[in-house]
Amino acid sequence: MNGIKPFYELNDYVDYALLNEELMDHDTFIKGLSIFKDLNDNKINSEEANNKIMELVHSDDTVFYYKKTIYKVKDEK
């Protein structure tokens, strides 16, 4: 859910998204869907949507999207 900001930054390139409630409470998931719908219907802007999602999930962690990742290749001998 807290990937709403990057998702809408990629809106021109993404046709759809699959949202899975498996790792969250059902009521939280439904509230999150409502935020996505309001954003999609232009009732709120992406910044408002992002703030509402952060309040809803109590986190602004976007998991991997904005994190620099360095992969080290194992030295196979």
PDB file of N, CA and C in Angstrom:
ATOM      1  N   MET A   1       0.814  -1.198   0.000  1.00  0.00           N
ATOM      2  CA  MET A   1       0.000   0.000   0.000  1.00  0.00           C
ATOM      3  C   MET A   1       0.853   1.256   0.000  1.00  0.00           C
ATOM      4  N   ASN A   2       2.001   1.200   0.684  1.00  0.00           N
ATOM      5  CA  ASN A   2       2.788   2.417   0.760  1.00  0.00           C
ATOM      6  C   ASN A   2       3.610   2.651  -0.496  1.00  0.00           C
ATOM      7  N   GLY A   3       3.308   1.940  -1.554  1.00  0.00           N
ATOM      8  CA  GLY A   3       3.935   2.191  -2.850  1.00  0.00           C
ATOM      9  C   GLY A   3       3.062   3.037  -3.746  1.00  0.00           C
ATOM     10  N   ILE A   4       2.087   3.743  -3.168  1.00  0.00           N
ATOM     11  CA  ILE A   4       1.154   4.525  -3.986  1.00  0.00           C
ATOM     12  C   ILE A   4       1.851   5.652  -4.739  1.00  0.00           C
ATOM     13  N   LYS A   5       2.817   6.292  -4.102  1.00  0.00           N
ATOM     14  CA  LYS A   5       3.498   7.414  -4.760  1.00  0.00           C
ATOM     15  C   LYS A   5       4.297   6.937  -5.976  1.00  0.00           C
ATOM     16  N   PRO A   6       5.165   5.944  -5.825  1.00  0.00           N
ATOM     17  CA  PRO A   6       5.877   5.484  -7.018  1.00  0.00           C
ATOM     18  C   PRO A   6       4.945   4.889  -8.067  1.00  0.00           C
ATOM     19  N   PHE A   7       3.864   4.256  -7.626  1.00  0.00           N
ATOM     20  CA  PHE A   7       2.928   3.679  -8.586  1.00  0.00           C
ATOM     21  C   PHE A   7       2.353   4.759  -9.508  1.00  0.00           C
ATOM     22  N   TYR A   8       1.951   5.872  -8.928  1.00  0.00           N
ATOM     23  CA  TYR A   8       1.377   6.924  -9.756  1.00  0.00           C
ATOM     24  C   TYR A   8       2.427   7.746 -10.493  1.00  0.00           C
ATOM     25  N   GLU A   9       3.680   7.666 -10.079  1.00  0.00           N
ATOM     26  CA  GLU A   9       4.752   8.275 -10.870  1.00  0.00           C
ATOM     27  C   GLU A   9       4.967   7.468 -12.143  1.00  0.00           C
ATOM     28  N   LEU A  10       4.632   6.188 -12.086  1.00  0.00           N
ATOM     29  CA  LEU A  10       4.773   5.296 -13.247  1.00  0.00           C
ATOM     30  C   LEU A  10       3.451   5.099 -13.978  1.00  0.00           C
ATOM     31  N   ASN A  11       2.451   5.881 -13.653  1.00  0.00           N
ATOM     32  CA  ASN A  11       1.102   5.703 -14.165  1.00  0.00           C
ATOM     33  C   ASN A  11       1.030   5.620 -15.689  1.00  0.00           C
ATOM     34  N   ASP A  12       1.883   6.354 -16.386  1.00  0.00           N
ATOM     35  CA  ASP A  12       1.860   6.329 -17.850  1.00  0.00           C
ATOM     36  C   ASP A  12       2.410   5.024 -18.410  1.00  0.00           C
ATOM     37  N   TYR A  13       3.092   4.251 -17.585  1.00  0.00           N
ATOM     38  CA  TYR A  13       3.736   3.031 -18.052  1.00  0.00           C
ATOM     39  C   TYR A  13       3.101   1.756 -17.506  1.00  0.00           C
ATOM     40  N   VAL A  14       2.199   1.903 -16.541  1.00  0.00           N
ATOM     41  CA  VAL A  14       1.578   0.747 -15.887  1.00  0.00           C
ATOM     42  C   VAL A  14       0.089   0.751 -16.206  1.00  0.00           C
ATOM     43  N   ASP A  15      -0.387  -0.360 -16.753  1.00  0.00           N
ATOM     44  CA  ASP A  15      -1.803  -0.448 -17.094  1.00  0.00           C
ATOM     45  C   ASP A  15      -2.675  -0.809 -15.897  1.00  0.00           C
ATOM     46  N   TYR A  16      -2.139  -1.602 -14.991  1.00  0.00           N
ATOM     47  CA  TYR A  16      -2.913  -2.004 -13.825  1.00  0.00           C
ATOM     48  C   TYR A  16      -1.975  -2.505 -12.741  1.00  0.00           C
ATOM     49  N   ALA A  17      -2.511  -2.640 -11.556  1.00  0.00           N
ATOM     50  CA  ALA A  17      -1.735  -3.174 -10.430  1.00  0.00           C
ATOM     51  C   ALA A  17      -2.591  -4.195  -9.699  1.00  0.00           C
ATOM     52  N   LEU A  18      -1.946  -5.185  -9.158  1.00  0.00           N
ATOM     53  CA  LEU A  18      -2.626  -6.173  -8.331  1.00  0.00           C
ATOM     54  C   LEU A  18      -2.317  -5.853  -6.880  1.00  0.00           C
ATOM     55  N   LEU A  19      -3.348  -5.661  -6.102  1.00  0.00           N
ATOM     56  CA  LEU A  19      -3.179  -5.369  -4.681  1.00  0.00           C
ATOM     57  C   LEU A  19      -3.636  -6.598  -3.905  1.00  0.00           C
ATOM     58  N   ASN A  20      -2.841  -6.993  -2.939  1.00  0.00           N
ATOM     59  CA  ASN A  20      -3.111  -8.206  -2.183  1.00  0.00           C
ATOM     60  C   ASN A  20      -3.227  -7.857  -0.713  1.00  0.00           C
ATOM     61  N   GLU A  21      -4.307  -8.264  -0.085  1.00  0.00           N
ATOM     62  CA  GLU A  21      -4.527  -7.935   1.319  1.00  0.00           C
ATOM     63  C   GLU A  21      -3.952  -8.969   2.270  1.00  0.00           C
ATOM     64  N   GLU A  22      -3.217  -9.908   1.760  1.00  0.00           N
ATOM     65  CA  GLU A  22      -2.715 -11.020   2.562  1.00  0.00           C
ATOM     66  C   GLU A  22      -1.929 -10.588   3.792  1.00  0.00           C
ATOM     67  N   LEU A  23      -1.159  -9.538   3.702  1.00  0.00           N
ATOM     68  CA  LEU A  23      -0.297  -9.131   4.809  1.00  0.00           C
ATOM     69  C   LEU A  23      -0.856  -7.964   5.626  1.00  0.00           C
ATOM     70  N   MET A  24      -2.167  -7.719   5.502  1.00  0.00           N
ATOM     71  CA  MET A  24      -2.743  -6.612   6.265  1.00  0.00           C
ATOM     72  C   MET A  24      -4.175  -6.920   6.660  1.00  0.00           C
ATOM     73  N   ASP A  25      -4.651  -6.121   7.570  1.00  0.00           N
ATOM     74  CA  ASP A  25      -6.025  -6.220   8.044  1.00  0.00           C
ATOM     75  C   ASP A  25      -6.990  -5.874   6.908  1.00  0.00           C
ATOM     76  N   HIS A  26      -8.114  -6.584   6.837  1.00  0.00           N
ATOM     77  CA  HIS A  26      -9.090  -6.377   5.758  1.00  0.00           C
ATOM     78  C   HIS A  26      -9.604  -4.935   5.714  1.00  0.00           C
ATOM     79  N   ASP A  27      -9.933  -4.365   6.867  1.00  0.00           N
ATOM     80  CA  ASP A  27     -10.455  -2.994   6.901  1.00  0.00           C
ATOM     81  C   ASP A  27      -9.430  -1.977   6.407  1.00  0.00           C
ATOM     82  N   THR A  28      -8.173  -2.183   6.761  1.00  0.00           N
ATOM     83  CA  THR A  28      -7.095  -1.310   6.287  1.00  0.00           C
ATOM     84  C   THR A  28      -6.971  -1.410   4.776  1.00  0.00           C
ATOM     85  N   PHE A  29      -7.067  -2.619   4.264  1.00  0.00           N
ATOM     86  CA  PHE A  29      -6.976  -2.838   2.821  1.00  0.00           C
ATOM     87  C   PHE A  29      -8.105  -2.109   2.086  1.00  0.00           C
ATOM     88  N   ILE A  30      -9.322  -2.213   2.594  1.00  0.00           N
ATOM     89  CA  ILE A  30     -10.472  -1.568   1.962  1.00  0.00           C
ATOM     90  C   ILE A  30     -10.306  -0.044   1.991  1.00  0.00           C
ATOM     91  N   LYS A  31      -9.828   0.502   3.104  1.00  0.00           N
ATOM     92  CA  LYS A  31      -9.575   1.948   3.179  1.00  0.00           C
ATOM     93  C   LYS A  31      -8.513   2.361   2.166  1.00  0.00           C
ATOM     94  N   GLY A  32      -7.484   1.529   2.015  1.00  0.00           N
ATOM     95  CA  GLY A  32      -6.437   1.802   1.029  1.00  0.00           C
ATOM     96  C   GLY A  32      -6.976   1.791  -0.390  1.00  0.00           C
ATOM     97  N   LEU A  33      -7.853   0.833  -0.687  1.00  0.00           N
ATOM     98  CA  LEU A  33      -8.472   0.792  -2.015  1.00  0.00           C
ATOM     99  C   LEU A  33      -9.263   2.064  -2.292  1.00  0.00           C
ATOM    100  N   SER A  34      -9.931   2.562  -1.273  1.00  0.00           N
ATOM    101  CA  SER A  34     -10.695   3.797  -1.413  1.00  0.00           C
ATOM    102  C   SER A  34      -9.770   4.969  -1.756  1.00  0.00           C
ATOM    103  N   ILE A  35      -8.599   5.004  -1.144  1.00  0.00           N
ATOM    104  CA  ILE A  35      -7.627   6.062  -1.437  1.00  0.00           C
ATOM    105  C   ILE A  35      -7.142   5.946  -2.881  1.00  0.00           C
ATOM    106  N   PHE A  36      -6.825   4.724  -3.326  1.00  0.00           N
ATOM    107  CA  PHE A  36      -6.422   4.517  -4.719  1.00  0.00           C
ATOM    108  C   PHE A  36      -7.533   4.981  -5.665  1.00  0.00           C
ATOM    109  N   LYS A  37      -8.784   4.648  -5.346  1.00  0.00           N
ATOM    110  CA  LYS A  37      -9.903   5.034  -6.203  1.00  0.00           C
ATOM    111  C   LYS A  37     -10.051   6.551  -6.251  1.00  0.00           C
ATOM    112  N   ASP A  38      -9.972   7.212  -5.101  1.00  0.00           N
ATOM    113  CA  ASP A  38     -10.067   8.670  -5.077  1.00  0.00           C
ATOM    114  C   ASP A  38      -8.963   9.316  -5.908  1.00  0.00           C
ATOM    115  N   LEU A  39      -7.783   8.764  -5.838  1.00  0.00           N
ATOM    116  CA  LEU A  39      -6.676   9.283  -6.639  1.00  0.00           C
ATOM    117  C   LEU A  39      -6.931   9.050  -8.125  1.00  0.00           C
ATOM    118  N   ASN A  40      -7.373   7.858  -8.447  1.00  0.00           N
ATOM    119  CA  ASN A  40      -7.661   7.524  -9.843  1.00  0.00           C
ATOM    120  C   ASN A  40      -8.786   8.388 -10.413  1.00  0.00           C
ATOM    121  N   ASP A  41      -9.755   8.744  -9.575  1.00  0.00           N
ATOM    122  CA  ASP A  41     -10.880   9.582 -10.002  1.00  0.00           C
ATOM    123  C   ASP A  41     -10.569  11.075  -9.900  1.00  0.00           C
ATOM    124  N   ASN A  42      -9.319  11.409  -9.595  1.00  0.00           N
ATOM    125  CA  ASN A  42      -8.862  12.800  -9.471  1.00  0.00           C
ATOM    126  C   ASN A  42      -9.585  13.575  -8.372  1.00  0.00           C
ATOM    127  N   LYS A  43     -10.036  12.880  -7.337  1.00  0.00           N
ATOM    128  CA  LYS A  43     -10.654  13.549  -6.191  1.00  0.00           C
ATOM    129  C   LYS A  43      -9.593  14.059  -5.222  1.00  0.00           C
ATOM    130  N   ILE A  44      -8.416  13.435  -5.249  1.00  0.00           N
ATOM    131  CA  ILE A  44      -7.262  13.868  -4.453  1.00  0.00           C
ATOM    132  C   ILE A  44      -6.029  13.772  -5.332  1.00  0.00           C
ATOM    133  N   ASN A  45      -4.977  14.507  -4.963  1.00  0.00           N
ATOM    134  CA  ASN A  45      -3.743  14.430  -5.740  1.00  0.00           C
ATOM    135  C   ASN A  45      -2.818  13.362  -5.143  1.00  0.00           C
ATOM    136  N   SER A  46      -1.724  13.085  -5.817  1.00  0.00           N
ATOM    137  CA  SER A  46      -0.837  11.995  -5.384  1.00  0.00           C
ATOM    138  C   SER A  46      -0.191  12.272  -4.029  1.00  0.00           C
ATOM    139  N   GLU A  47       0.081  13.543  -3.743  1.00  0.00           N
ATOM    140  CA  GLU A  47       0.673  13.876  -2.442  1.00  0.00           C
ATOM    141  C   GLU A  47      -0.319  13.610  -1.308  1.00  0.00           C
ATOM    142  N   GLU A  48      -1.580  13.992  -1.514  1.00  0.00           N
ATOM    143  CA  GLU A  48      -2.617  13.713  -0.510  1.00  0.00           C
ATOM    144  C   GLU A  48      -2.792  12.204  -0.328  1.00  0.00           C
ATOM    145  N   ALA A  49      -2.815  11.488  -1.435  1.00  0.00           N
ATOM    146  CA  ALA A  49      -2.976  10.034  -1.379  1.00  0.00           C
ATOM    147  C   ALA A  49      -1.814   9.400  -0.630  1.00  0.00           C
ATOM    148  N   ASN A  50      -0.611   9.851  -0.925  1.00  0.00           N
ATOM    149  CA  ASN A  50       0.568   9.309  -0.256  1.00  0.00           C
ATOM    150  C   ASN A  50       0.498   9.561   1.248  1.00  0.00           C
ATOM    151  N   ASN A  51       0.101  10.775   1.639  1.00  0.00           N
ATOM    152  CA  ASN A  51      -0.021  11.100   3.066  1.00  0.00           C
ATOM    153  C   ASN A  51      -1.077  10.241   3.753  1.00  0.00           C
ATOM    154  N   LYS A  52      -2.205  10.033   3.087  1.00  0.00           N
ATOM    155  CA  LYS A  52      -3.266   9.203   3.663  1.00  0.00           C
ATOM    156  C   LYS A  52      -2.810   7.755   3.822  1.00  0.00           C
ATOM    157  N   ILE A  53      -2.080   7.256   2.831  1.00  0.00           N
ATOM    158  CA  ILE A  53      -1.576   5.874   2.916  1.00  0.00           C
ATOM    159  C   ILE A  53      -0.569   5.761   4.050  1.00  0.00           C
ATOM    160  N   MET A  54       0.324   6.752   4.185  1.00  0.00           N
ATOM    161  CA  MET A  54       1.320   6.714   5.264  1.00  0.00           C
ATOM    162  C   MET A  54       0.635   6.695   6.627  1.00  0.00           C
ATOM    163  N   GLU A  55      -0.440   7.462   6.775  1.00  0.00           N
ATOM    164  CA  GLU A  55      -1.198   7.447   8.028  1.00  0.00           C
ATOM    165  C   GLU A  55      -1.869   6.092   8.242  1.00  0.00           C
ATOM    166  N   LEU A  56      -2.378   5.533   7.168  1.00  0.00           N
ATOM    167  CA  LEU A  56      -3.109   4.268   7.240  1.00  0.00           C
ATOM    168  C   LEU A  56      -2.204   3.105   7.625  1.00  0.00           C
ATOM    169  N   VAL A  57      -1.043   3.016   7.018  1.00  0.00           N
ATOM    170  CA  VAL A  57      -0.140   1.887   7.286  1.00  0.00           C
ATOM    171  C   VAL A  57       0.942   2.253   8.303  1.00  0.00           C
ATOM    172  N   HIS A  58       0.926   3.500   8.780  1.00  0.00           N
ATOM    173  CA  HIS A  58       1.872   3.966   9.802  1.00  0.00           C
ATOM    174  C   HIS A  58       3.324   3.777   9.365  1.00  0.00           C
ATOM    175  N   SER A  59       3.570   4.047   8.088  1.00  0.00           N
ATOM    176  CA  SER A  59       4.932   3.895   7.577  1.00  0.00           C
ATOM    177  C   SER A  59       5.077   4.682   6.288  1.00  0.00           C
ATOM    178  N   ASP A  60       6.265   5.244   6.091  1.00  0.00           N
ATOM    179  CA  ASP A  60       6.558   5.863   4.811  1.00  0.00           C
ATOM    180  C   ASP A  60       7.641   5.071   4.079  1.00  0.00           C
ATOM    181  N   ASP A  61       7.832   3.841   4.507  1.00  0.00           N
ATOM    182  CA  ASP A  61       8.815   2.967   3.878  1.00  0.00           C
ATOM    183  C   ASP A  61       8.282   2.485   2.540  1.00  0.00           C
ATOM    184  N   THR A  62       8.958   2.810   1.473  1.00  0.00           N
ATOM    185  CA  THR A  62       8.535   2.376   0.150  1.00  0.00           C
ATOM    186  C   THR A  62       9.264   1.098  -0.253  1.00  0.00           C
ATOM    187  N   VAL A  63       9.708   0.366   0.712  1.00  0.00           N
ATOM    188  CA  VAL A  63      10.389  -0.913   0.565  1.00  0.00           C
ATOM    189  C   VAL A  63      11.620  -0.736  -0.307  1.00  0.00           C
ATOM    190  N   PHE A  64      11.597  -1.143  -1.545  1.00  0.00           N
ATOM    191  CA  PHE A  64      12.800  -1.119  -2.380  1.00  0.00           C
ATOM    192  C   PHE A  64      12.836   0.034  -3.366  1.00  0.00           C
ATOM    193  N   TYR A  65      11.739   0.708  -3.605  1.00  0.00           N
ATOM    194  CA  TYR A  65      11.649   1.627  -4.732  1.00  0.00           C
ATOM    195  C   TYR A  65      12.685   2.747  -4.700  1.00  0.00           C
ATOM    196  N   TYR A  66      12.887   3.369  -3.562  1.00  0.00           N
ATOM    197  CA  TYR A  66      13.827   4.487  -3.477  1.00  0.00           C
ATOM    198  C   TYR A  66      15.155   4.114  -2.825  1.00  0.00           C
ATOM    199  N   LYS A  67      15.363   2.859  -2.507  1.00  0.00           N
ATOM    200  CA  LYS A  67      16.584   2.462  -1.820  1.00  0.00           C
ATOM    201  C   LYS A  67      17.662   2.049  -2.817  1.00  0.00           C
ATOM    202  N   LYS A  68      18.840   2.581  -2.584  1.00  0.00           N
ATOM    203  CA  LYS A  68      19.973   2.211  -3.404  1.00  0.00           C
ATOM    204  C   LYS A  68      20.356   0.781  -3.050  1.00  0.00           C
ATOM    205  N   THR A  69      20.514  -0.022  -4.060  1.00  0.00           N
ATOM    206  CA  THR A  69      20.850  -1.422  -3.851  1.00  0.00           C
ATOM    207  C   THR A  69      22.136  -1.739  -4.587  1.00  0.00           C
ATOM    208  N   ILE A  70      23.042  -2.345  -3.883  1.00  0.00           N
ATOM    209  CA  ILE A  70      24.298  -2.756  -4.489  1.00  0.00           C
ATOM    210  C   ILE A  70      24.388  -4.277  -4.387  1.00  0.00           C
ATOM    211  N   TYR A  71      24.532  -4.900  -5.516  1.00  0.00           N
ATOM    212  CA  TYR A  71      24.652  -6.344  -5.539  1.00  0.00           C
ATOM    213  C   TYR A  71      26.115  -6.726  -5.711  1.00  0.00           C
ATOM    214  N   LYS A  72      26.587  -7.599  -4.880  1.00  0.00           N
ATOM    215  CA  LYS A  72      27.957  -8.079  -5.000  1.00  0.00           C
ATOM    216  C   LYS A  72      27.906  -9.489  -5.569  1.00  0.00           C
ATOM    217  N   VAL A  73      28.616  -9.676  -6.649  1.00  0.00           N
ATOM    218  CA  VAL A  73      28.658 -10.983  -7.287  1.00  0.00           C
ATOM    219  C   VAL A  73      29.676 -11.831  -6.532  1.00  0.00           C
ATOM    220  N   LYS A  74      29.257 -13.035  -6.196  1.00  0.00           N
ATOM    221  CA  LYS A  74      30.173 -13.929  -5.504  1.00  0.00           C
ATOM    222  C   LYS A  74      31.371 -14.254  -6.365  1.00  0.00           C
ATOM    223  N   ASP A  75      32.521 -14.299  -5.734  1.00  0.00           N
ATOM    224  CA  ASP A  75      33.730 -14.684  -6.436  1.00  0.00           C
ATOM    225  C   ASP A  75      33.813 -16.208  -6.449  1.00  0.00           C
ATOM    226  N   GLU A  76      33.458 -16.793  -7.559  1.00  0.00           N
ATOM    227  CA  GLU A  76      33.466 -18.243  -7.702  1.00  0.00           C
ATOM    228  C   GLU A  76      34.881 -18.696  -8.063  1.00  0.00           C
ATOM    229  N   LYS A  77      35.424 -19.597  -7.281  1.00  0.00           N
ATOM    230  CA  LYS A  77      36.783 -20.090  -7.572  1.00  0.00           C
ATOM    231  C   LYS A  77      36.760 -21.532  -7.960  1.00  0.00           C
TER     232      LYS A  77
END
